[in-house]
Amino acid sequence: MDGKDQQFSVIVVGSGLAGLAAARILREKHQVTVYERGEPSTATGGQGIANFPNAIKIMRQMGFDPERTGSVSIQGFRTLDKHCNLVYDTEFPFQEKYGAPALAHMRVDFRAELLRLATAQSKDLGIGGEPAEMVFKNGAKDIDAEAGEITLDDGTKAKADVIIVADGIHSRLRPKIAGPNCPKPRKSGLTCCRVAVSANEAIETLGSLPDWWQGQRTGDGRIMVFEARDGSDRIMVVYGLRNTSYMNMSCIFVTREEKESTTNSWFAEGDRQEMLDIFHDFDPSLVKLLGVATEVKVWELQDIEPLDTWTKGRAILIGDAAHAMTPLQGQGANAGIEDAEAFRLLMQPGVTRDDIPKILERIEAVRKPRATAVLNNTRKTSRGVSGEERYRVMDENCTYDGIFKAIESQQI
């Protein structure tokens, strides 16, 4: 490339959803290396995740294939009481309203698809550039943001023109960029146990699929929220996965006892009996399915107060490292995908190495207000609200059309 169209070296710290999405965006033009402190299978499990139109539009641009992930279309929302009696139901025409569907998939399948998009041969994806290089079991423990250099867990150093820090809510590098006194993760007082149950397990346990599951298989795709409705803040969020051959069941309740494992990790092993005790008075079909799930994951729901800055020198925070939020609006991963798409500013013709710090600041100027608005929406609808109130903020959450439209609208 000539001097007016430079190729940059890019380091991505963390191979979560935001980090892999950023690697996919940037690989078309730049040399990308992803450093992950965990194993290749890090932070994967059989639980669900939902992506809304704001992320799906970006994922389509990246070549995301919903057939590979067995994605289930979300057609609306349904609130039921703990005995499965209908409280509230609404169709939500995501495609018609926002130009893209809402899709649910198994987290492990979604991450595998993002990994494919980051690392597959370019000819197989129909794009230019080279695949991102993945380095596992060697994360970044320190950073010199001005110099564009990280120190890895094995003591070696790596330099790059751009460093994207996507190492999660418990980011080791956040204080090096946002300052030593930057906000730390804040507990919400709620805990979430997550399981995924297969249709085969359900039939074996119950004799047949319950009515609420059958409805999902006949095209009536809903995110279902089963509420205790007794002031206890217990809810169960249920939706289909892998072409509805599985159901995600996220059980949210007031934290009983703070545990280090569930504070420091969102995929710690959960206590099945505690979950069953807490939800013992829910419909038997729900309780029995919780009992047969092969894996129970638990984490204390946390978020972070908005940071003063996401950027320093050649480094920028994205995803949960920048703006962690609870899953109660289902927007955490979507916000990370939005962050990743913003790196299209580094793909523009004529961008030079000297331009990078200013471009990272520009990304922050667009993304930080947007992420803060979604965080505030999530906090407003976290506890003691009806299903209808929970869905009122959908317009603001879903109406994001990428970095260039955002710049245009903000005239930044």
Protein backbone atom coordinates (compact mmCIF):
# COMPACT_ATOMS: atom_id res chain seq x y z
CA MET A 1 0.00 0.00 0.00
CA ASP A 2 1.25 3.50 -0.70
CA GLY A 3 1.97 6.08 1.94
CA LYS A 4 -1.54 7.48 1.68
CA ASP A 5 -3.24 4.19 2.48
CA GLN A 6 -1.35 2.56 5.31
CA GLN A 7 -1.82 -0.89 6.78
CA PHE A 8 -1.76 -0.89 10.57
CA SER A 9 -0.79 -3.52 13.08
CA VAL A 10 -3.67 -4.07 15.51
CA ILE A 11 -3.69 -5.87 18.85
CA VAL A 12 -7.01 -6.97 20.31
CA VAL A 13 -6.88 -7.93 23.99
CA GLY A 14 -9.58 -10.52 24.68
CA SER A 15 -11.40 -13.01 22.45
CA GLY A 16 -14.90 -12.37 23.68
CA LEU A 17 -17.72 -11.21 21.44
CA ALA A 18 -16.61 -7.57 21.13
CA GLY A 19 -12.98 -8.49 20.56
CA LEU A 20 -13.73 -11.03 17.84
CA ALA A 21 -16.14 -8.66 16.12
CA ALA A 22 -13.45 -5.95 16.10
CA ALA A 23 -10.96 -8.45 14.65
CA ARG A 24 -13.42 -9.29 11.87
CA ILE A 25 -13.98 -5.63 10.95
CA LEU A 26 -10.29 -4.70 10.91
CA ARG A 27 -8.85 -7.83 9.25
CA GLU A 28 -10.06 -6.66 5.82
CA LYS A 29 -7.28 -4.08 5.70
CA HIS A 30 -5.02 -4.37 8.72
CA GLN A 31 -2.87 -7.02 10.43
CA VAL A 32 -4.77 -8.19 13.51
CA THR A 33 -3.52 -10.29 16.43
CA VAL A 34 -5.87 -11.32 19.25
CA TYR A 35 -4.37 -12.15 22.66
CA GLU A 36 -6.55 -14.18 25.03
CA ARG A 37 -5.54 -15.18 28.55
CA GLY A 38 -7.82 -18.24 28.51
CA GLU A 39 -8.15 -21.40 26.45
CA PRO A 40 -9.64 -21.42 22.94
CA SER A 41 -12.97 -22.47 24.49
CA THR A 42 -12.86 -19.65 27.04
CA ALA A 43 -16.15 -18.42 28.47
CA THR A 44 -18.36 -20.62 26.36
CA GLY A 45 -21.32 -22.58 27.57
CA GLY A 46 -24.74 -23.84 26.64
CA GLN A 47 -26.66 -20.69 27.52
CA GLY A 48 -28.45 -18.26 25.28
CA ILE A 49 -27.83 -14.77 24.00
CA ALA A 50 -30.10 -12.44 22.03
CA ASN A 51 -29.05 -9.95 19.39
CA PHE A 52 -31.35 -7.11 18.42
CA PRO A 53 -31.55 -5.20 15.11
CA ASN A 54 -28.89 -2.66 16.10
CA ALA A 55 -26.36 -5.52 16.20
CA ILE A 56 -27.88 -7.77 13.52
CA LYS A 57 -27.48 -5.08 10.85
CA ILE A 58 -23.77 -4.90 11.64
CA MET A 59 -23.42 -8.68 11.86
CA ARG A 60 -24.96 -9.05 8.41
CA GLN A 61 -22.30 -6.70 7.03
CA MET A 62 -19.67 -8.97 8.58
CA GLY A 63 -21.09 -12.07 6.88
CA PHE A 64 -22.84 -13.57 9.90
CA ASP A 65 -24.72 -16.75 8.94
CA PRO A 66 -27.75 -17.47 11.17
CA GLU A 67 -28.01 -20.97 9.69
CA ARG A 68 -24.69 -21.87 11.27
CA THR A 69 -25.87 -20.71 14.69
CA GLY A 70 -29.37 -22.18 14.52
CA SER A 71 -30.66 -18.70 15.35
CA VAL A 72 -34.28 -18.36 16.43
CA SER A 73 -36.26 -15.30 15.33
CA ILE A 74 -37.80 -13.28 18.16
CA GLN A 75 -41.26 -12.09 17.09
CA GLY A 76 -42.30 -10.38 20.29
CA PHE A 77 -42.52 -10.52 24.06
CA ARG A 78 -44.75 -12.39 26.46
CA THR A 79 -45.08 -11.96 30.21
CA LEU A 80 -46.62 -14.78 32.26
CA ASP A 81 -47.03 -15.30 35.97
CA LYS A 82 -45.21 -18.11 37.76
CA HIS A 83 -48.13 -20.47 37.01
CA CYS A 84 -47.86 -19.82 33.24
CA ASN A 85 -50.97 -17.62 33.11
CA LEU A 86 -50.70 -14.92 30.44
CA VAL A 87 -50.20 -11.39 31.75
CA TYR A 88 -49.04 -9.45 28.71
CA ASP A 89 -48.26 -10.29 25.10
CA THR A 90 -47.16 -8.22 22.17
CA GLU A 91 -45.92 -8.89 18.69
CA PHE A 92 -42.87 -6.83 17.86
CA PRO A 93 -42.14 -6.46 14.13
CA PHE A 94 -38.39 -5.94 14.41
CA GLN A 95 -37.71 -6.44 10.70
CA GLU A 96 -40.39 -3.99 9.59
CA LYS A 97 -39.66 -1.44 12.27
CA TYR A 98 -35.86 -1.45 12.37
CA GLY A 99 -34.75 -3.13 9.14
CA ALA A 100 -33.41 -6.31 10.74
CA PRO A 101 -34.72 -9.16 12.89
CA ALA A 102 -33.97 -9.97 16.50
CA LEU A 103 -32.29 -13.37 16.84
CA ALA A 104 -31.48 -15.68 19.75
CA HIS A 105 -28.72 -18.29 19.68
CA MET A 106 -26.53 -20.41 21.89
CA ARG A 107 -23.64 -18.32 23.16
CA VAL A 108 -21.10 -20.98 22.21
CA ASP A 109 -22.50 -21.06 18.65
CA PHE A 110 -22.48 -17.28 18.35
CA ARG A 111 -18.90 -17.00 19.56
CA ALA A 112 -17.84 -19.79 17.20
CA GLU A 113 -19.38 -17.88 14.30
CA LEU A 114 -17.55 -14.68 15.26
CA LEU A 115 -14.32 -16.67 15.57
CA ARG A 116 -14.93 -18.04 12.06
CA LEU A 117 -15.49 -14.55 10.71
CA ALA A 118 -12.27 -13.34 12.35
CA THR A 119 -10.06 -16.24 11.27
CA ALA A 120 -11.46 -17.95 8.14
CA GLN A 121 -9.59 -17.63 4.87
CA SER A 122 -10.47 -14.36 3.18
CA LYS A 123 -11.49 -16.08 -0.06
CA ASP A 124 -14.05 -18.13 1.88
CA LEU A 125 -15.62 -14.93 3.20
CA GLY A 126 -15.33 -13.00 -0.07
CA ILE A 127 -13.26 -10.23 1.49
CA GLY A 128 -9.74 -8.82 1.26
CA GLY A 129 -6.99 -8.87 3.84
CA GLU A 130 -5.64 -11.68 5.96
CA PRO A 131 -7.21 -13.68 8.82
CA ALA A 132 -6.65 -12.48 12.36
CA GLU A 133 -4.00 -14.40 14.30
CA MET A 134 -5.22 -15.93 17.57
CA VAL A 135 -2.89 -16.32 20.56
CA PHE A 136 -4.43 -18.17 23.51
CA LYS A 137 -3.23 -18.67 27.11
CA ASN A 138 -1.27 -15.42 27.00
CA GLY A 139 -3.28 -12.34 27.89
CA ALA A 140 -2.16 -8.77 28.45
CA LYS A 141 -1.36 -7.79 32.02
CA ASP A 142 0.01 -4.28 31.39
CA ILE A 143 -0.08 -1.61 28.72
CA ASP A 144 1.84 1.48 27.65
CA ALA A 145 -0.97 3.14 25.74
CA GLU A 146 1.10 6.02 24.41
CA ALA A 147 3.76 3.70 23.01
CA GLY A 148 1.22 1.15 21.77
CA GLU A 149 2.78 -1.72 23.71
CA ILE A 150 1.38 -4.47 25.93
CA THR A 151 3.11 -6.77 28.39
CA LEU A 152 1.87 -10.35 28.13
CA ASP A 153 1.39 -12.87 30.90
CA ASP A 154 4.57 -14.69 29.87
CA GLY A 155 6.58 -11.46 30.31
CA THR A 156 7.10 -10.73 26.64
CA LYS A 157 6.00 -7.49 25.02
CA ALA A 158 4.08 -6.81 21.81
CA LYS A 159 3.71 -3.51 19.96
CA ALA A 160 1.06 -2.30 17.54
CA ASP A 161 -0.28 0.85 15.93
CA VAL A 162 -3.68 0.26 17.59
CA ILE A 163 -4.55 -1.60 20.80
CA ILE A 164 -8.19 -2.55 21.36
CA VAL A 165 -8.85 -3.59 24.96
CA ALA A 166 -11.82 -5.96 25.08
CA ASP A 167 -10.94 -7.97 28.19
CA GLY A 168 -14.31 -7.82 29.89
CA ILE A 169 -15.97 -6.34 32.95
CA HIS A 170 -13.02 -7.24 35.16
CA SER A 171 -10.53 -5.69 32.73
CA ARG A 172 -6.97 -5.71 33.94
CA LEU A 173 -6.05 -2.83 31.65
CA ARG A 174 -8.99 -0.48 32.29
CA PRO A 175 -7.20 1.50 35.06
CA LYS A 176 -4.20 2.02 32.77
CA ILE A 177 -6.44 3.76 30.23
CA ALA A 178 -9.33 5.28 32.20
CA GLY A 179 -7.20 6.13 35.25
CA PRO A 180 -6.36 4.37 38.53
CA ASN A 181 -9.49 5.75 40.22
CA CYS A 182 -11.87 4.79 37.41
CA PRO A 183 -15.17 3.14 38.40
CA LYS A 184 -15.12 -0.51 39.34
CA PRO A 185 -17.87 -3.05 38.63
CA ARG A 186 -20.97 -2.29 40.69
CA LYS A 187 -23.26 -5.04 41.94
CA SER A 188 -26.95 -4.70 41.16
CA GLY A 189 -28.14 -6.88 44.03
CA LEU A 190 -29.43 -9.48 41.58
CA THR A 191 -28.03 -12.89 40.66
CA CYS A 192 -28.68 -14.85 37.48
CA CYS A 193 -28.59 -18.63 37.08
CA ARG A 194 -28.61 -19.75 33.45
CA VAL A 195 -29.36 -23.14 31.96
CA ALA A 196 -30.19 -24.52 28.54
CA VAL A 197 -32.50 -27.51 28.28
CA SER A 198 -32.94 -29.65 25.16
CA ALA A 199 -36.30 -30.67 23.73
CA ASN A 200 -35.29 -34.32 24.19
CA GLU A 201 -34.63 -33.71 27.89
CA ALA A 202 -37.96 -31.93 28.21
CA ILE A 203 -39.92 -34.75 26.56
CA GLU A 204 -38.14 -37.37 28.64
CA THR A 205 -38.89 -35.45 31.85
CA LEU A 206 -42.40 -34.16 31.17
CA GLY A 207 -43.71 -36.72 28.67
CA SER A 208 -44.22 -34.00 26.06
CA LEU A 209 -43.18 -30.42 25.42
CA PRO A 210 -45.12 -27.92 27.57
CA ASP A 211 -47.57 -25.63 25.81
CA TRP A 212 -45.31 -22.60 26.16
CA TRP A 213 -42.52 -24.49 24.33
CA GLN A 214 -44.83 -25.85 21.62
CA GLY A 215 -45.89 -22.29 20.81
CA GLN A 216 -42.29 -21.33 20.11
CA ARG A 217 -41.98 -24.17 17.59
CA THR A 218 -44.97 -23.06 15.55
CA GLY A 219 -43.52 -19.68 14.65
CA ASP A 220 -44.82 -17.85 17.72
CA GLY A 221 -41.29 -16.84 18.72
CA ARG A 222 -41.34 -14.84 21.92
CA ILE A 223 -38.98 -13.90 24.68
CA MET A 224 -41.05 -15.15 27.61
CA VAL A 225 -40.69 -13.64 31.06
CA PHE A 226 -42.23 -15.65 33.90
CA GLU A 227 -42.69 -13.34 36.88
CA ALA A 228 -43.28 -14.29 40.53
CA ARG A 229 -45.44 -11.15 40.90
CA ASP A 230 -45.21 -11.31 44.68
CA GLY A 231 -42.67 -8.56 45.34
CA SER A 232 -39.74 -11.00 45.45
CA ASP A 233 -38.10 -9.78 42.18
CA ARG A 234 -37.90 -13.35 40.88
CA ILE A 235 -38.19 -13.73 37.12
CA MET A 236 -37.37 -16.45 34.62
CA VAL A 237 -36.45 -15.37 31.06
CA VAL A 238 -37.04 -18.14 28.50
CA TYR A 239 -36.42 -18.24 24.74
CA GLY A 240 -35.58 -20.73 22.01
CA LEU A 241 -32.11 -21.74 20.80
CA ARG A 242 -30.76 -23.98 18.02
CA ASN A 243 -33.92 -23.87 15.95
CA THR A 244 -35.96 -24.27 19.21
CA SER A 245 -34.37 -27.65 19.92
CA TYR A 246 -33.17 -25.99 23.16
CA MET A 247 -34.58 -23.42 25.54
CA ASN A 248 -32.56 -20.84 27.41
CA MET A 249 -33.80 -20.38 30.98
CA SER A 250 -32.30 -17.44 32.88
CA CYS A 251 -33.42 -17.33 36.50
CA ILE A 252 -32.95 -13.90 38.10
CA PHE A 253 -33.39 -13.28 41.81
CA VAL A 254 -32.19 -11.09 44.67
CA THR A 255 -28.67 -12.10 45.66
CA ARG A 256 -28.73 -14.20 48.82
CA GLU A 257 -25.03 -14.49 49.53
CA GLU A 258 -22.17 -12.77 47.74
CA LYS A 259 -19.54 -15.23 46.55
CA GLU A 260 -16.15 -14.41 45.09
CA SER A 261 -16.58 -16.85 42.19
CA THR A 262 -19.85 -15.29 41.02
CA THR A 263 -18.51 -11.77 41.47
CA ASN A 264 -15.40 -12.33 39.39
CA SER A 265 -16.88 -14.50 36.64
CA TRP A 266 -20.12 -14.55 34.65
CA PHE A 267 -19.74 -18.24 33.86
CA ALA A 268 -19.05 -19.74 37.31
CA GLU A 269 -20.64 -23.06 38.18
CA GLY A 270 -24.02 -22.54 39.80
CA ASP A 271 -25.74 -24.24 42.73
CA ARG A 272 -28.63 -26.16 41.18
CA GLN A 273 -30.31 -26.82 44.51
CA GLU A 274 -30.26 -23.15 45.45
CA MET A 275 -31.89 -22.30 42.13
CA LEU A 276 -34.55 -24.98 42.63
CA ASP A 277 -35.23 -23.78 46.18
CA ILE A 278 -35.67 -20.17 45.05
CA PHE A 279 -38.04 -21.05 42.20
CA HIS A 280 -39.79 -23.97 43.91
CA ASP A 281 -43.26 -22.40 43.60
CA PHE A 282 -43.07 -21.79 39.83
CA ASP A 283 -45.00 -23.99 37.43
CA PRO A 284 -43.89 -27.64 37.71
CA SER A 285 -42.92 -27.74 34.03
CA LEU A 286 -40.41 -24.94 34.66
CA VAL A 287 -39.02 -26.35 37.89
CA LYS A 288 -38.60 -29.87 36.50
CA LEU A 289 -36.69 -28.55 33.50
CA LEU A 290 -34.35 -26.60 35.76
CA GLY A 291 -33.66 -29.87 37.52
CA VAL A 292 -32.55 -31.78 34.42
CA ALA A 293 -30.32 -29.15 32.78
CA THR A 294 -26.83 -30.56 32.30
CA GLU A 295 -25.05 -27.32 33.23
CA VAL A 296 -25.88 -24.43 35.57
CA LYS A 297 -23.96 -21.16 35.26
CA VAL A 298 -24.34 -18.29 37.71
CA TRP A 299 -23.17 -14.73 38.07
CA GLU A 300 -23.98 -11.70 40.16
CA LEU A 301 -25.33 -9.05 37.80
CA GLN A 302 -23.03 -6.05 37.68
CA ASP A 303 -22.49 -2.93 35.64
CA ILE A 304 -20.09 0.02 35.64
CA GLU A 305 -20.65 3.73 36.04
CA PRO A 306 -19.78 5.59 32.82
CA LEU A 307 -16.03 6.09 32.53
CA ASP A 308 -14.49 9.54 32.05
CA THR A 309 -12.57 8.24 29.06
CA TRP A 310 -12.24 5.09 26.95
CA THR A 311 -9.08 6.16 25.17
CA LYS A 312 -5.44 6.93 25.83
CA GLY A 313 -2.81 7.27 23.15
CA ARG A 314 -3.10 4.31 20.80
CA ALA A 315 -5.46 2.30 23.02
CA ILE A 316 -9.22 2.18 23.43
CA LEU A 317 -11.57 0.21 25.68
CA ILE A 318 -14.60 -1.51 24.14
CA GLY A 319 -17.33 -3.95 25.16
CA ASP A 320 -17.74 -4.77 28.85
CA ALA A 321 -14.31 -3.31 29.56
CA ALA A 322 -15.76 0.08 28.61
CA HIS A 323 -19.46 -0.08 29.49
CA ALA A 324 -20.59 -3.27 31.23
CA MET A 325 -24.33 -3.52 31.80
CA THR A 326 -26.67 -6.17 33.15
CA PRO A 327 -28.55 -8.44 30.70
CA LEU A 328 -31.96 -7.08 31.67
CA GLN A 329 -32.35 -5.29 28.32
CA GLY A 330 -30.28 -7.85 26.41
CA GLN A 331 -28.00 -5.12 25.04
CA GLY A 332 -24.55 -5.84 26.48
CA ALA A 333 -23.25 -7.93 23.57
CA ASN A 334 -25.06 -5.70 21.08
CA ALA A 335 -23.25 -2.64 22.39
CA GLY A 336 -19.94 -4.48 21.97
CA ILE A 337 -20.83 -5.25 18.34
CA GLU A 338 -21.62 -1.57 17.82
CA ASP A 339 -18.20 -0.66 19.26
CA ALA A 340 -16.48 -3.05 16.87
CA GLU A 341 -18.24 -1.57 13.83
CA ALA A 342 -16.92 1.88 14.77
CA PHE A 343 -13.43 0.76 13.73
CA ARG A 344 -14.56 1.25 10.14
CA LEU A 345 -13.17 4.75 10.70
CA LEU A 346 -9.71 3.13 10.65
CA MET A 347 -10.52 1.53 7.30
CA GLN A 348 -11.02 4.82 5.45
CA PRO A 349 -8.66 5.71 2.61
CA GLY A 350 -5.85 8.07 3.52
CA VAL A 351 -5.83 7.34 7.28
CA THR A 352 -2.27 7.36 8.60
CA ARG A 353 -0.60 6.06 11.72
CA ASP A 354 -0.45 9.60 13.09
CA ASP A 355 -4.23 9.90 12.78
CA ILE A 356 -4.96 6.94 15.07
CA PRO A 357 -5.20 8.66 18.49
CA LYS A 358 -7.61 11.29 17.14
CA ILE A 359 -9.73 8.65 15.42
CA LEU A 360 -9.97 6.64 18.64
CA GLU A 361 -11.12 9.81 20.42
CA ARG A 362 -13.72 10.33 17.73
CA ILE A 363 -15.00 6.79 18.18
CA GLU A 364 -15.30 7.45 21.91
CA ALA A 365 -17.15 10.73 21.28
CA VAL A 366 -19.81 8.82 19.35
CA ARG A 367 -19.93 5.55 21.24
CA LYS A 368 -19.75 6.71 24.87
CA PRO A 369 -23.03 8.72 24.89
CA ARG A 370 -24.78 5.89 23.06
CA ALA A 371 -23.54 3.20 25.47
CA THR A 372 -24.43 5.41 28.46
CA ALA A 373 -27.99 5.85 27.17
CA VAL A 374 -28.43 2.07 26.81
CA LEU A 375 -26.93 1.53 30.27
CA ASN A 376 -29.44 3.99 31.73
CA ASN A 377 -32.31 2.25 29.91
CA THR A 378 -31.16 -1.05 31.38
CA ARG A 379 -30.95 0.34 34.90
CA LYS A 380 -34.40 1.91 34.64
CA THR A 381 -35.97 -1.42 33.77
CA SER A 382 -34.07 -3.68 36.14
CA ARG A 383 -36.36 -4.19 39.13
CA GLY A 384 -39.99 -3.89 40.06
CA VAL A 385 -41.25 -3.02 36.56
CA SER A 386 -43.87 -4.64 34.37
CA GLY A 387 -43.13 -6.43 31.13
CA GLU A 388 -44.70 -3.57 29.21
CA GLU A 389 -42.39 -1.04 30.88
CA ARG A 390 -39.41 -3.29 30.12
CA TYR A 391 -40.08 -3.11 26.38
CA ARG A 392 -40.77 0.63 26.12
CA VAL A 393 -37.11 1.52 25.65
CA MET A 394 -36.77 -0.78 22.63
CA ASP A 395 -36.91 2.09 20.15
CA GLU A 396 -33.84 3.83 21.53
CA ASN A 397 -31.98 0.55 21.98
CA CYS A 398 -32.61 -0.74 18.45
CA THR A 399 -32.27 2.43 16.38
CA TYR A 400 -28.53 2.56 15.77
CA ASP A 401 -27.28 2.41 12.19
CA GLY A 402 -23.52 2.39 12.58
CA ILE A 403 -20.71 4.85 13.11
CA PHE A 404 -21.10 6.90 9.93
CA LYS A 405 -24.82 7.55 10.46
CA ALA A 406 -24.12 8.35 14.11
CA ILE A 407 -21.47 10.89 13.17
CA GLU A 408 -23.81 12.40 10.63
CA SER A 409 -26.62 12.75 13.17
CA GLN A 410 -24.36 14.16 15.89
CA GLN A 411 -22.33 16.30 13.46
CA ILE A 412 -19.18 15.30 15.27
